[in-house]
Amino acid sequence: MASNVESIVNQALMEARRTRRVADIFEGTQEAIIALELYGQTRDTLLDAKDWSFSRQVAPLTLLKGPPPDGGFNFAQPWSNLYAYPGFLYEYAYPSDCLDLRAIIAPPGPMPDLDPVPALWRVDNDLTPIVSGTPPVASGPAAKVIYCNTTNAMAVYRARVTDPTQFDTGFTASLVSALARKFAAAFGETVTSEQQAAEQAQQTAELESSLRG
């Protein structure tokens, strides 16, 4: 299992048949500069491509906008962007480490829900609730949000995991191989038989990892 980013990058450089290695990804060498450009996006693409067990997260959401006023909206109290989008009661902040939102669930109660019904939700962009003006409106910067009708909602999602010590072996093998292909293209190398063998080993590791859950 890789202990740091440099270990993963150096394994990928080896597969790409590069002789130089990096001691620090911020050291400024050609290999380090290219690794900085490719590593984060490649990692996130792989995390988003599959339901890796180590990246599954369940977390409570931060409420941004609540339900309509008592009695609902009317001529005297029309809808404004101080409230969630019409059709939804609540607006929550999108988790900063979320790559792929999988579900919205209600918090567990005293009696467990053994037959949960999927909650309706929508991801959108909206102005954050900094109130100003007359009549008052939300005028904060636009941000990614979640609309739903679930009180005290919790999110189930794939998280952006940046600590290599949390990666499982299948994911690390996938990341090394994906980076090696990109390094080979960046440095003008060709795919070798060794890389093809490594990719086959990676696919086997992925399968074993998915079977373990």
N, C-alpha and C. Protein backbone atom coordinates (compact mmCIF):
# COMPACT_ATOMS: atom_id res chain seq x y z
N MET A 1 0.85 -1.19 0.00
CA MET A 1 0.00 0.00 0.00
C MET A 1 0.89 1.25 0.00
N ALA A 2 0.54 2.21 -0.87
CA ALA A 2 1.34 3.43 -0.96
C ALA A 2 1.20 4.27 0.31
N SER A 3 2.30 4.87 0.75
CA SER A 3 2.28 5.67 1.96
C SER A 3 2.12 7.16 1.68
N ASN A 4 2.39 7.59 0.44
CA ASN A 4 2.27 9.00 0.10
C ASN A 4 2.10 9.17 -1.41
N VAL A 5 1.85 10.41 -1.81
CA VAL A 5 1.65 10.71 -3.23
C VAL A 5 2.88 10.39 -4.04
N GLU A 6 4.05 10.72 -3.51
CA GLU A 6 5.30 10.49 -4.25
C GLU A 6 5.50 9.01 -4.57
N SER A 7 5.12 8.13 -3.65
CA SER A 7 5.24 6.70 -3.89
C SER A 7 4.40 6.28 -5.09
N ILE A 8 3.17 6.77 -5.16
CA ILE A 8 2.30 6.44 -6.29
C ILE A 8 2.85 7.01 -7.59
N VAL A 9 3.30 8.25 -7.55
CA VAL A 9 3.86 8.88 -8.74
C VAL A 9 5.09 8.13 -9.22
N ASN A 10 5.96 7.73 -8.31
CA ASN A 10 7.18 7.03 -8.72
C ASN A 10 6.88 5.64 -9.29
N GLN A 11 5.86 4.95 -8.76
CA GLN A 11 5.46 3.69 -9.36
C GLN A 11 4.95 3.90 -10.78
N ALA A 12 4.18 4.98 -10.97
CA ALA A 12 3.67 5.29 -12.30
C ALA A 12 4.79 5.67 -13.25
N LEU A 13 5.78 6.43 -12.77
CA LEU A 13 6.92 6.77 -13.61
C LEU A 13 7.70 5.53 -14.02
N MET A 14 7.81 4.58 -13.10
CA MET A 14 8.50 3.33 -13.41
C MET A 14 7.75 2.57 -14.51
N GLU A 15 6.41 2.48 -14.39
CA GLU A 15 5.63 1.80 -15.42
C GLU A 15 5.72 2.52 -16.75
N ALA A 16 5.88 3.84 -16.71
CA ALA A 16 6.00 4.63 -17.94
C ALA A 16 7.43 4.63 -18.48
N ARG A 17 8.32 3.84 -17.82
CA ARG A 17 9.71 3.67 -18.25
C ARG A 17 10.50 4.97 -18.18
N ARG A 18 10.21 5.76 -17.17
CA ARG A 18 11.01 6.95 -16.89
C ARG A 18 12.07 6.61 -15.86
N THR A 19 13.27 7.09 -16.04
CA THR A 19 14.37 6.75 -15.14
C THR A 19 14.41 7.66 -13.92
N ARG A 20 13.92 8.89 -14.04
CA ARG A 20 13.96 9.82 -12.92
C ARG A 20 12.77 9.60 -12.00
N ARG A 21 12.97 9.89 -10.71
CA ARG A 21 11.92 9.78 -9.71
C ARG A 21 11.76 11.13 -9.03
N VAL A 22 10.69 11.28 -8.24
CA VAL A 22 10.45 12.53 -7.52
C VAL A 22 10.59 12.26 -6.02
N ALA A 23 11.29 13.14 -5.35
CA ALA A 23 11.40 13.07 -3.89
C ALA A 23 10.29 13.88 -3.23
N ASP A 24 9.83 14.92 -3.94
CA ASP A 24 8.77 15.79 -3.44
C ASP A 24 7.99 16.26 -4.66
N ILE A 25 6.68 16.09 -4.63
CA ILE A 25 5.87 16.44 -5.80
C ILE A 25 5.91 17.93 -6.10
N PHE A 26 6.36 18.74 -5.13
CA PHE A 26 6.48 20.18 -5.34
C PHE A 26 7.90 20.62 -5.66
N GLU A 27 8.77 19.69 -6.01
CA GLU A 27 10.19 20.02 -6.18
C GLU A 27 10.49 20.80 -7.46
N GLY A 28 9.58 20.82 -8.43
CA GLY A 28 9.76 21.63 -9.62
C GLY A 28 10.45 20.96 -10.78
N THR A 29 10.80 19.68 -10.68
CA THR A 29 11.38 18.97 -11.82
C THR A 29 10.28 18.72 -12.86
N GLN A 30 10.71 18.34 -14.06
CA GLN A 30 9.73 18.09 -15.13
C GLN A 30 8.73 17.02 -14.72
N GLU A 31 9.23 15.95 -14.13
CA GLU A 31 8.34 14.87 -13.70
C GLU A 31 7.36 15.36 -12.63
N ALA A 32 7.84 16.16 -11.68
CA ALA A 32 6.98 16.65 -10.60
C ALA A 32 5.93 17.62 -11.14
N ILE A 33 6.32 18.47 -12.08
CA ILE A 33 5.37 19.44 -12.65
C ILE A 33 4.23 18.70 -13.36
N ILE A 34 4.58 17.70 -14.17
CA ILE A 34 3.56 16.94 -14.89
C ILE A 34 2.70 16.15 -13.91
N ALA A 35 3.33 15.59 -12.88
CA ALA A 35 2.57 14.83 -11.88
C ALA A 35 1.56 15.74 -11.18
N LEU A 36 1.96 16.97 -10.85
CA LEU A 36 1.05 17.90 -10.20
C LEU A 36 -0.16 18.21 -11.09
N GLU A 37 0.08 18.29 -12.40
CA GLU A 37 -1.00 18.59 -13.32
C GLU A 37 -1.98 17.43 -13.47
N LEU A 38 -1.47 16.20 -13.34
CA LEU A 38 -2.27 15.02 -13.66
C LEU A 38 -2.83 14.29 -12.44
N TYR A 39 -2.14 14.36 -11.32
CA TYR A 39 -2.45 13.46 -10.21
C TYR A 39 -3.87 13.67 -9.65
N GLY A 40 -4.20 14.89 -9.25
CA GLY A 40 -5.48 15.13 -8.59
C GLY A 40 -6.67 14.79 -9.46
N GLN A 41 -6.64 15.21 -10.72
CA GLN A 41 -7.76 14.93 -11.62
C GLN A 41 -7.88 13.43 -11.88
N THR A 42 -6.75 12.76 -12.06
CA THR A 42 -6.79 11.32 -12.29
C THR A 42 -7.34 10.58 -11.08
N ARG A 43 -6.90 10.96 -9.89
CA ARG A 43 -7.42 10.35 -8.66
C ARG A 43 -8.92 10.55 -8.54
N ASP A 44 -9.41 11.78 -8.74
CA ASP A 44 -10.83 12.05 -8.59
C ASP A 44 -11.67 11.34 -9.64
N THR A 45 -11.14 11.22 -10.87
CA THR A 45 -11.87 10.51 -11.92
C THR A 45 -12.05 9.05 -11.56
N LEU A 46 -11.01 8.44 -11.01
CA LEU A 46 -11.10 7.04 -10.60
C LEU A 46 -12.03 6.88 -9.40
N LEU A 47 -11.97 7.79 -8.45
CA LEU A 47 -12.87 7.72 -7.30
C LEU A 47 -14.33 7.81 -7.74
N ASP A 48 -14.59 8.64 -8.73
CA ASP A 48 -15.95 8.85 -9.19
C ASP A 48 -16.45 7.74 -10.10
N ALA A 49 -15.53 6.92 -10.63
CA ALA A 49 -15.89 5.91 -11.62
C ALA A 49 -16.45 4.64 -11.01
N LYS A 50 -16.24 4.43 -9.71
CA LYS A 50 -16.62 3.17 -9.09
C LYS A 50 -16.95 3.40 -7.62
N ASP A 51 -17.79 2.53 -7.08
CA ASP A 51 -18.19 2.66 -5.67
C ASP A 51 -17.14 2.01 -4.77
N TRP A 52 -15.99 2.67 -4.64
CA TRP A 52 -14.92 2.14 -3.79
C TRP A 52 -15.37 2.19 -2.33
N SER A 53 -15.15 1.12 -1.62
CA SER A 53 -15.65 1.04 -0.25
C SER A 53 -15.02 2.10 0.65
N PHE A 54 -13.75 2.42 0.45
CA PHE A 54 -13.07 3.36 1.35
C PHE A 54 -13.53 4.80 1.14
N SER A 55 -14.21 5.08 0.02
CA SER A 55 -14.63 6.46 -0.24
C SER A 55 -16.11 6.69 0.06
N ARG A 56 -16.81 5.68 0.54
CA ARG A 56 -18.23 5.86 0.87
C ARG A 56 -18.36 6.67 2.15
N GLN A 57 -19.24 7.65 2.11
CA GLN A 57 -19.45 8.51 3.28
C GLN A 57 -20.94 8.71 3.53
N VAL A 58 -21.30 8.77 4.80
CA VAL A 58 -22.65 9.18 5.21
C VAL A 58 -22.46 10.31 6.21
N ALA A 59 -23.04 11.48 5.93
CA ALA A 59 -22.80 12.64 6.78
C ALA A 59 -24.03 13.55 6.81
N PRO A 60 -24.27 14.21 7.93
CA PRO A 60 -25.37 15.19 8.00
C PRO A 60 -25.05 16.39 7.13
N LEU A 61 -26.09 16.99 6.58
CA LEU A 61 -25.93 18.15 5.71
C LEU A 61 -26.15 19.44 6.50
N THR A 62 -25.57 20.54 6.00
CA THR A 62 -25.71 21.86 6.61
C THR A 62 -26.87 22.59 5.96
N LEU A 63 -27.87 22.95 6.77
CA LEU A 63 -29.06 23.64 6.25
C LEU A 63 -28.72 25.07 5.87
N LEU A 64 -29.14 25.47 4.66
CA LEU A 64 -28.96 26.85 4.20
C LEU A 64 -30.28 27.62 4.20
N LYS A 65 -31.35 26.98 3.74
CA LYS A 65 -32.65 27.65 3.65
C LYS A 65 -33.73 26.69 4.12
N GLY A 66 -34.65 27.23 4.92
CA GLY A 66 -35.69 26.39 5.52
C GLY A 66 -36.99 26.41 4.76
N PRO A 67 -38.05 25.89 5.37
CA PRO A 67 -39.35 25.77 4.71
C PRO A 67 -40.05 27.11 4.59
N PRO A 68 -41.16 27.15 3.84
CA PRO A 68 -41.93 28.40 3.69
C PRO A 68 -42.47 28.87 5.04
N PRO A 69 -42.87 30.14 5.13
CA PRO A 69 -43.48 30.64 6.37
C PRO A 69 -44.81 29.95 6.64
N ASP A 70 -45.29 30.07 7.87
CA ASP A 70 -46.59 29.49 8.23
C ASP A 70 -47.67 29.98 7.27
N GLY A 71 -48.46 29.06 6.76
CA GLY A 71 -49.51 29.43 5.81
C GLY A 71 -49.06 29.41 4.37
N GLY A 72 -47.78 29.19 4.16
CA GLY A 72 -47.26 29.12 2.79
C GLY A 72 -47.11 30.49 2.16
N PHE A 73 -46.88 30.50 0.86
CA PHE A 73 -46.67 31.76 0.12
C PHE A 73 -48.02 32.31 -0.34
N ASN A 74 -48.12 33.64 -0.35
CA ASN A 74 -49.33 34.30 -0.82
C ASN A 74 -48.95 35.68 -1.35
N PHE A 75 -49.96 36.47 -1.69
CA PHE A 75 -49.69 37.79 -2.26
C PHE A 75 -48.90 38.66 -1.29
N ALA A 76 -49.24 38.57 0.00
CA ALA A 76 -48.55 39.38 0.99
C ALA A 76 -47.18 38.82 1.34
N GLN A 77 -47.01 37.53 1.16
CA GLN A 77 -45.74 36.87 1.47
C GLN A 77 -45.35 36.00 0.27
N PRO A 78 -44.89 36.62 -0.82
CA PRO A 78 -44.55 35.84 -2.02
C PRO A 78 -43.23 35.08 -1.85
N TRP A 79 -43.07 34.10 -2.71
CA TRP A 79 -41.79 33.37 -2.69
C TRP A 79 -40.65 34.30 -3.07
N SER A 80 -39.50 34.11 -2.44
CA SER A 80 -38.28 34.81 -2.83
C SER A 80 -37.13 33.83 -2.67
N ASN A 81 -35.94 34.22 -3.10
CA ASN A 81 -34.80 33.30 -3.01
C ASN A 81 -34.25 33.18 -1.60
N LEU A 82 -34.99 33.71 -0.61
CA LEU A 82 -34.66 33.40 0.78
C LEU A 82 -35.07 31.98 1.13
N TYR A 83 -35.90 31.38 0.25
CA TYR A 83 -36.40 30.04 0.49
C TYR A 83 -35.87 29.09 -0.59
N ALA A 84 -36.06 27.80 -0.34
CA ALA A 84 -35.62 26.80 -1.31
C ALA A 84 -36.41 26.93 -2.60
N TYR A 85 -35.90 26.32 -3.64
CA TYR A 85 -36.56 26.34 -4.95
C TYR A 85 -37.98 25.79 -4.82
N PRO A 86 -38.97 26.39 -5.52
CA PRO A 86 -40.35 25.90 -5.41
C PRO A 86 -40.45 24.39 -5.65
N GLY A 87 -41.20 23.75 -4.78
CA GLY A 87 -41.33 22.30 -4.84
C GLY A 87 -40.47 21.59 -3.81
N PHE A 88 -39.56 22.34 -3.20
CA PHE A 88 -38.69 21.76 -2.17
C PHE A 88 -38.79 22.60 -0.89
N LEU A 89 -38.70 21.91 0.23
CA LEU A 89 -38.80 22.59 1.53
C LEU A 89 -37.46 23.11 2.03
N TYR A 90 -36.38 22.39 1.69
CA TYR A 90 -35.08 22.68 2.29
C TYR A 90 -34.00 22.81 1.22
N GLU A 91 -33.02 23.63 1.56
CA GLU A 91 -31.80 23.74 0.75
C GLU A 91 -30.61 23.50 1.67
N TYR A 92 -29.75 22.56 1.27
CA TYR A 92 -28.58 22.21 2.06
C TYR A 92 -27.31 22.50 1.26
N ALA A 93 -26.22 22.75 1.99
CA ALA A 93 -24.92 22.94 1.35
C ALA A 93 -24.41 21.62 0.80
N TYR A 94 -23.84 21.66 -0.37
CA TYR A 94 -23.25 20.46 -0.98
C TYR A 94 -21.94 20.17 -0.25
N PRO A 95 -21.73 18.93 0.21
CA PRO A 95 -20.50 18.63 0.96
C PRO A 95 -19.25 18.95 0.15
N SER A 96 -18.28 19.59 0.78
CA SER A 96 -17.09 20.04 0.06
C SER A 96 -16.25 18.89 -0.47
N ASP A 97 -16.34 17.70 0.15
CA ASP A 97 -15.55 16.56 -0.29
C ASP A 97 -16.35 15.58 -1.13
N CYS A 98 -17.55 15.98 -1.56
CA CYS A 98 -18.42 15.07 -2.31
C CYS A 98 -18.09 15.09 -3.80
N LEU A 99 -17.81 13.90 -4.36
CA LEU A 99 -17.61 13.76 -5.80
C LEU A 99 -18.88 13.31 -6.50
N ASP A 100 -19.66 12.48 -5.83
CA ASP A 100 -20.86 11.94 -6.45
C ASP A 100 -21.90 11.68 -5.37
N LEU A 101 -22.97 12.45 -5.40
CA LEU A 101 -24.05 12.28 -4.42
C LEU A 101 -24.88 11.07 -4.80
N ARG A 102 -25.03 10.12 -3.87
CA ARG A 102 -25.72 8.87 -4.16
C ARG A 102 -27.16 8.86 -3.65
N ALA A 103 -27.40 9.44 -2.49
CA ALA A 103 -28.75 9.39 -1.91
C ALA A 103 -28.87 10.42 -0.81
N ILE A 104 -30.11 10.80 -0.52
CA ILE A 104 -30.46 11.63 0.63
C ILE A 104 -31.33 10.78 1.55
N ILE A 105 -30.97 10.73 2.83
CA ILE A 105 -31.72 9.92 3.78
C ILE A 105 -32.05 10.75 5.02
N ALA A 106 -33.08 10.30 5.73
CA ALA A 106 -33.44 10.94 7.00
C ALA A 106 -32.58 10.36 8.11
N PRO A 107 -32.33 11.13 9.16
CA PRO A 107 -31.53 10.60 10.27
C PRO A 107 -32.28 9.46 10.96
N PRO A 108 -31.57 8.49 11.52
CA PRO A 108 -32.25 7.37 12.17
C PRO A 108 -33.01 7.83 13.40
N GLY A 109 -34.19 7.24 13.59
CA GLY A 109 -35.03 7.56 14.74
C GLY A 109 -34.99 6.45 15.76
N PRO A 110 -35.84 6.53 16.76
CA PRO A 110 -35.86 5.49 17.80
C PRO A 110 -36.25 4.13 17.25
N MET A 111 -37.08 4.13 16.16
CA MET A 111 -37.44 2.88 15.50
C MET A 111 -36.73 2.83 14.16
N PRO A 112 -35.90 1.82 13.89
CA PRO A 112 -35.16 1.77 12.64
C PRO A 112 -36.10 1.63 11.44
N ASP A 113 -35.75 2.30 10.36
CA ASP A 113 -36.53 2.22 9.12
C ASP A 113 -36.00 1.04 8.32
N LEU A 114 -36.75 -0.06 8.33
CA LEU A 114 -36.30 -1.27 7.66
C LEU A 114 -36.74 -1.33 6.20
N ASP A 115 -37.52 -0.36 5.76
CA ASP A 115 -37.96 -0.31 4.37
C ASP A 115 -37.89 1.12 3.87
N PRO A 116 -36.68 1.69 3.77
CA PRO A 116 -36.55 3.11 3.42
C PRO A 116 -37.04 3.40 2.00
N VAL A 117 -37.67 4.55 1.85
CA VAL A 117 -38.12 5.02 0.55
C VAL A 117 -37.14 6.08 0.07
N PRO A 118 -36.65 5.96 -1.18
CA PRO A 118 -35.68 6.96 -1.68
C PRO A 118 -36.26 8.37 -1.62
N ALA A 119 -35.48 9.30 -1.13
CA ALA A 119 -35.92 10.69 -1.03
C ALA A 119 -35.66 11.40 -2.36
N LEU A 120 -36.58 12.29 -2.72
CA LEU A 120 -36.41 13.11 -3.91
C LEU A 120 -35.43 14.24 -3.60
N TRP A 121 -34.45 14.45 -4.49
CA TRP A 121 -33.49 15.53 -4.29
C TRP A 121 -33.00 16.04 -5.63
N ARG A 122 -32.40 17.20 -5.61
CA ARG A 122 -31.86 17.81 -6.82
C ARG A 122 -30.64 18.64 -6.47
N VAL A 123 -29.62 18.54 -7.28
CA VAL A 123 -28.41 19.36 -7.12
C VAL A 123 -28.51 20.55 -8.06
N ASP A 124 -28.18 21.73 -7.54
CA ASP A 124 -28.28 22.95 -8.35
C ASP A 124 -27.29 23.97 -7.82
N ASN A 125 -27.29 25.15 -8.41
CA ASN A 125 -26.54 26.29 -7.90
C ASN A 125 -27.52 27.35 -7.43
N ASP A 126 -27.21 28.01 -6.33
CA ASP A 126 -28.12 29.02 -5.80
C ASP A 126 -27.31 30.06 -5.04
N LEU A 127 -27.89 31.25 -4.89
CA LEU A 127 -27.26 32.30 -4.09
C LEU A 127 -27.32 31.93 -2.62
N THR A 128 -26.23 32.07 -1.93
CA THR A 128 -26.20 31.73 -0.51
C THR A 128 -27.00 32.78 0.28
N PRO A 129 -27.54 32.38 1.44
CA PRO A 129 -28.49 33.25 2.15
C PRO A 129 -27.87 34.38 2.95
N ILE A 130 -27.20 35.30 2.27
CA ILE A 130 -26.81 36.56 2.90
C ILE A 130 -27.92 37.56 2.56
N VAL A 131 -28.66 38.00 3.56
CA VAL A 131 -29.88 38.77 3.32
C VAL A 131 -29.55 40.25 3.15
N SER A 132 -30.13 40.86 2.11
CA SER A 132 -29.94 42.30 1.89
C SER A 132 -31.10 42.82 1.05
N GLY A 133 -31.24 44.15 1.00
CA GLY A 133 -32.23 44.77 0.12
C GLY A 133 -33.61 44.88 0.74
N THR A 134 -34.49 45.61 0.01
CA THR A 134 -35.89 45.78 0.40
C THR A 134 -36.76 45.60 -0.85
N PRO A 135 -37.54 44.55 -0.94
CA PRO A 135 -37.68 43.47 0.05
C PRO A 135 -36.39 42.65 0.13
N PRO A 136 -36.20 41.96 1.26
CA PRO A 136 -34.95 41.22 1.43
C PRO A 136 -34.84 40.04 0.46
N VAL A 137 -33.63 39.83 -0.02
CA VAL A 137 -33.33 38.69 -0.89
C VAL A 137 -31.99 38.10 -0.47
N ALA A 138 -31.74 36.89 -0.90
CA ALA A 138 -30.44 36.27 -0.67
C ALA A 138 -29.46 36.79 -1.72
N SER A 139 -28.36 37.34 -1.27
CA SER A 139 -27.44 38.00 -2.21
C SER A 139 -26.01 37.51 -2.08
N GLY A 140 -25.80 36.39 -1.38
CA GLY A 140 -24.46 35.85 -1.26
C GLY A 140 -23.99 35.22 -2.56
N PRO A 141 -22.72 34.80 -2.61
CA PRO A 141 -22.19 34.19 -3.84
C PRO A 141 -22.88 32.87 -4.15
N ALA A 142 -22.99 32.54 -5.44
CA ALA A 142 -23.61 31.29 -5.85
C ALA A 142 -22.77 30.11 -5.39
N ALA A 143 -23.45 29.04 -4.99
CA ALA A 143 -22.76 27.85 -4.51
C ALA A 143 -23.57 26.62 -4.92
N LYS A 144 -22.90 25.48 -4.95
CA LYS A 144 -23.57 24.22 -5.25
C LYS A 144 -24.40 23.81 -4.04
N VAL A 145 -25.66 23.48 -4.27
CA VAL A 145 -26.57 23.16 -3.17
C VAL A 145 -27.37 21.90 -3.49
N ILE A 146 -28.07 21.40 -2.46
CA ILE A 146 -28.95 20.24 -2.60
C ILE A 146 -30.34 20.66 -2.14
N TYR A 147 -31.33 20.47 -3.00
CA TYR A 147 -32.72 20.69 -2.64
C TYR A 147 -33.36 19.34 -2.28
N CYS A 148 -34.16 19.32 -1.23
CA CYS A 148 -34.92 18.11 -0.90
C CYS A 148 -36.02 18.47 0.08
N ASN A 149 -36.84 17.47 0.42
CA ASN A 149 -37.93 17.68 1.37
C ASN A 149 -37.72 16.88 2.65
N THR A 150 -36.48 16.55 2.95
CA THR A 150 -36.14 15.74 4.11
C THR A 150 -35.62 16.62 5.24
N THR A 151 -36.24 16.53 6.40
CA THR A 151 -35.81 17.29 7.56
C THR A 151 -34.52 16.70 8.13
N ASN A 152 -33.57 17.59 8.48
CA ASN A 152 -32.28 17.14 9.05
C ASN A 152 -31.63 16.08 8.15
N ALA A 153 -31.58 16.37 6.87
CA ALA A 153 -31.16 15.38 5.88
C ALA A 153 -29.70 14.97 6.05
N MET A 154 -29.43 13.73 5.67
CA MET A 154 -28.09 13.19 5.62
C MET A 154 -27.80 12.76 4.18
N ALA A 155 -26.53 12.85 3.80
CA ALA A 155 -26.13 12.51 2.43
C ALA A 155 -25.31 11.22 2.42
N VAL A 156 -25.55 10.41 1.40
CA VAL A 156 -24.73 9.24 1.12
C VAL A 156 -23.98 9.56 -0.17
N TYR A 157 -22.66 9.52 -0.13
CA TYR A 157 -21.92 9.97 -1.30
C TYR A 157 -20.53 9.35 -1.39
N ARG A 158 -19.93 9.51 -2.58
CA ARG A 158 -18.53 9.15 -2.78
C ARG A 158 -17.69 10.38 -2.46
N ALA A 159 -16.76 10.21 -1.55
CA ALA A 159 -15.97 11.35 -1.08
C ALA A 159 -14.64 11.44 -1.81
N ARG A 160 -14.13 12.66 -1.88
CA ARG A 160 -12.76 12.87 -2.39
C ARG A 160 -11.79 12.51 -1.26
N VAL A 161 -11.13 11.37 -1.39
CA VAL A 161 -10.16 10.91 -0.40
C VAL A 161 -8.77 11.25 -0.93
N THR A 162 -8.03 12.05 -0.18
CA THR A 162 -6.72 12.50 -0.64
C THR A 162 -5.55 11.80 0.06
N ASP A 163 -5.82 11.12 1.15
CA ASP A 163 -4.76 10.45 1.91
C ASP A 163 -4.48 9.07 1.31
N PRO A 164 -3.32 8.85 0.70
CA PRO A 164 -3.03 7.56 0.06
C PRO A 164 -3.06 6.38 1.03
N THR A 165 -2.84 6.62 2.32
CA THR A 165 -2.86 5.50 3.26
C THR A 165 -4.28 4.93 3.43
N GLN A 166 -5.30 5.66 2.97
CA GLN A 166 -6.67 5.17 3.05
C GLN A 166 -7.09 4.41 1.79
N PHE A 167 -6.29 4.49 0.72
CA PHE A 167 -6.62 3.78 -0.51
C PHE A 167 -6.51 2.28 -0.29
N ASP A 168 -7.39 1.51 -0.93
CA ASP A 168 -7.18 0.07 -0.91
C ASP A 168 -6.27 -0.32 -2.08
N THR A 169 -5.82 -1.58 -2.08
CA THR A 169 -4.81 -2.01 -3.06
C THR A 169 -5.32 -1.92 -4.49
N GLY A 170 -6.60 -2.25 -4.69
CA GLY A 170 -7.15 -2.18 -6.03
C GLY A 170 -7.17 -0.77 -6.58
N PHE A 171 -7.53 0.19 -5.72
CA PHE A 171 -7.56 1.58 -6.18
C PHE A 171 -6.14 2.08 -6.47
N THR A 172 -5.20 1.77 -5.59
CA THR A 172 -3.82 2.21 -5.81
C THR A 172 -3.28 1.67 -7.12
N ALA A 173 -3.54 0.38 -7.41
CA ALA A 173 -3.08 -0.20 -8.67
C ALA A 173 -3.73 0.50 -9.86
N SER A 174 -5.01 0.82 -9.75
CA SER A 174 -5.70 1.53 -10.83
C SER A 174 -5.11 2.92 -11.05
N LEU A 175 -4.83 3.62 -9.94
CA LEU A 175 -4.29 4.97 -10.04
C LEU A 175 -2.90 4.96 -10.65
N VAL A 176 -2.06 4.02 -10.23
CA VAL A 176 -0.70 3.90 -10.79
C VAL A 176 -0.77 3.67 -12.29
N SER A 177 -1.61 2.74 -12.73
CA SER A 177 -1.70 2.42 -14.15
C SER A 177 -2.26 3.59 -14.96
N ALA A 178 -3.28 4.26 -14.41
CA ALA A 178 -3.85 5.41 -15.12
C ALA A 178 -2.83 6.53 -15.26
N LEU A 179 -2.08 6.80 -14.19
CA LEU A 179 -1.03 7.83 -14.27
C LEU A 179 0.07 7.42 -15.22
N ALA A 180 0.43 6.14 -15.23
CA ALA A 180 1.50 5.67 -16.13
C ALA A 180 1.13 5.91 -17.58
N ARG A 181 -0.13 5.66 -17.93
CA ARG A 181 -0.56 5.91 -19.31
C ARG A 181 -0.47 7.39 -19.65
N LYS A 182 -0.86 8.24 -18.70
CA LYS A 182 -0.80 9.68 -18.96
C LYS A 182 0.64 10.17 -18.99
N PHE A 183 1.50 9.63 -18.12
CA PHE A 183 2.91 10.00 -18.16
C PHE A 183 3.54 9.58 -19.49
N ALA A 184 3.21 8.38 -19.94
CA ALA A 184 3.77 7.89 -21.20
C ALA A 184 3.38 8.82 -22.34
N ALA A 185 2.11 9.26 -22.35
CA ALA A 185 1.67 10.19 -23.39
C ALA A 185 2.36 11.54 -23.25
N ALA A 186 2.49 12.02 -22.01
CA ALA A 186 3.10 13.34 -21.79
C ALA A 186 4.57 13.36 -22.18
N PHE A 187 5.27 12.23 -21.94
CA PHE A 187 6.70 12.17 -22.24
C PHE A 187 6.98 11.53 -23.60
N GLY A 188 5.92 11.26 -24.37
CA GLY A 188 6.12 10.72 -25.71
C GLY A 188 6.55 9.27 -25.74
N GLU A 189 6.24 8.52 -24.68
CA GLU A 189 6.58 7.10 -24.66
C GLU A 189 5.44 6.28 -25.27
N THR A 190 5.70 5.00 -25.51
CA THR A 190 4.68 4.08 -26.02
C THR A 190 4.35 3.06 -24.95
N VAL A 191 3.16 2.49 -25.05
CA VAL A 191 2.75 1.47 -24.10
C VAL A 191 3.54 0.20 -24.35
N THR A 192 4.13 -0.35 -23.31
CA THR A 192 4.98 -1.54 -23.45
C THR A 192 4.24 -2.78 -22.97
N SER A 193 4.84 -3.92 -23.25
CA SER A 193 4.26 -5.18 -22.80
C SER A 193 4.22 -5.24 -21.28
N GLU A 194 5.21 -4.60 -20.60
CA GLU A 194 5.21 -4.57 -19.15
C GLU A 194 4.00 -3.81 -18.63
N GLN A 195 3.67 -2.69 -19.29
CA GLN A 195 2.50 -1.93 -18.87
C GLN A 195 1.22 -2.72 -19.07
N GLN A 196 1.13 -3.43 -20.19
CA GLN A 196 -0.05 -4.24 -20.44
C GLN A 196 -0.21 -5.31 -19.38
N ALA A 197 0.91 -5.93 -18.98
CA ALA A 197 0.85 -6.93 -17.91
C ALA A 197 0.43 -6.30 -16.60
N ALA A 198 0.93 -5.07 -16.33
CA ALA A 198 0.57 -4.38 -15.10
C ALA A 198 -0.92 -4.05 -15.09
N GLU A 199 -1.48 -3.67 -16.26
CA GLU A 199 -2.90 -3.36 -16.34
C GLU A 199 -3.75 -4.60 -16.08
N GLN A 200 -3.28 -5.75 -16.57
CA GLN A 200 -4.00 -7.00 -16.29
C GLN A 200 -3.99 -7.30 -14.80
N ALA A 201 -2.83 -7.09 -14.16
CA ALA A 201 -2.75 -7.30 -12.72
C ALA A 201 -3.65 -6.32 -11.98
N GLN A 202 -3.73 -5.09 -12.48
CA GLN A 202 -4.59 -4.08 -11.87
C GLN A 202 -6.05 -4.50 -11.93
N GLN A 203 -6.49 -5.02 -13.09
CA GLN A 203 -7.87 -5.45 -13.23
C GLN A 203 -8.19 -6.58 -12.26
N THR A 204 -7.24 -7.49 -12.06
CA THR A 204 -7.43 -8.56 -11.09
C THR A 204 -7.57 -8.01 -9.68
N ALA A 205 -6.71 -7.03 -9.34
CA ALA A 205 -6.76 -6.42 -8.02
C ALA A 205 -8.07 -5.69 -7.81
N GLU A 206 -8.58 -5.01 -8.84
CA GLU A 206 -9.86 -4.31 -8.75
C GLU A 206 -10.99 -5.29 -8.45
N LEU A 207 -10.96 -6.42 -9.17
CA LEU A 207 -12.01 -7.41 -8.96
C LEU A 207 -11.97 -7.96 -7.54
N GLU A 208 -10.78 -8.26 -7.06
CA GLU A 208 -10.66 -8.78 -5.69
C GLU A 208 -11.12 -7.75 -4.68
N SER A 209 -10.80 -6.46 -4.94
CA SER A 209 -11.18 -5.39 -4.03
C SER A 209 -12.69 -5.23 -4.00
N SER A 210 -13.34 -5.31 -5.17
CA SER A 210 -14.79 -5.14 -5.22
C SER A 210 -15.50 -6.31 -4.57
N LEU A 211 -14.93 -7.50 -4.65
CA LEU A 211 -15.52 -8.67 -4.00
C LEU A 211 -15.47 -8.55 -2.48
N ARG A 212 -14.40 -7.90 -1.98
CA ARG A 212 -14.29 -7.68 -0.53
C ARG A 212 -15.26 -6.63 -0.04
N GLY A 213 -15.74 -5.78 -0.97
CA GLY A 213 -16.67 -4.70 -0.57
C GLY A 213 -15.91 -3.57 0.01
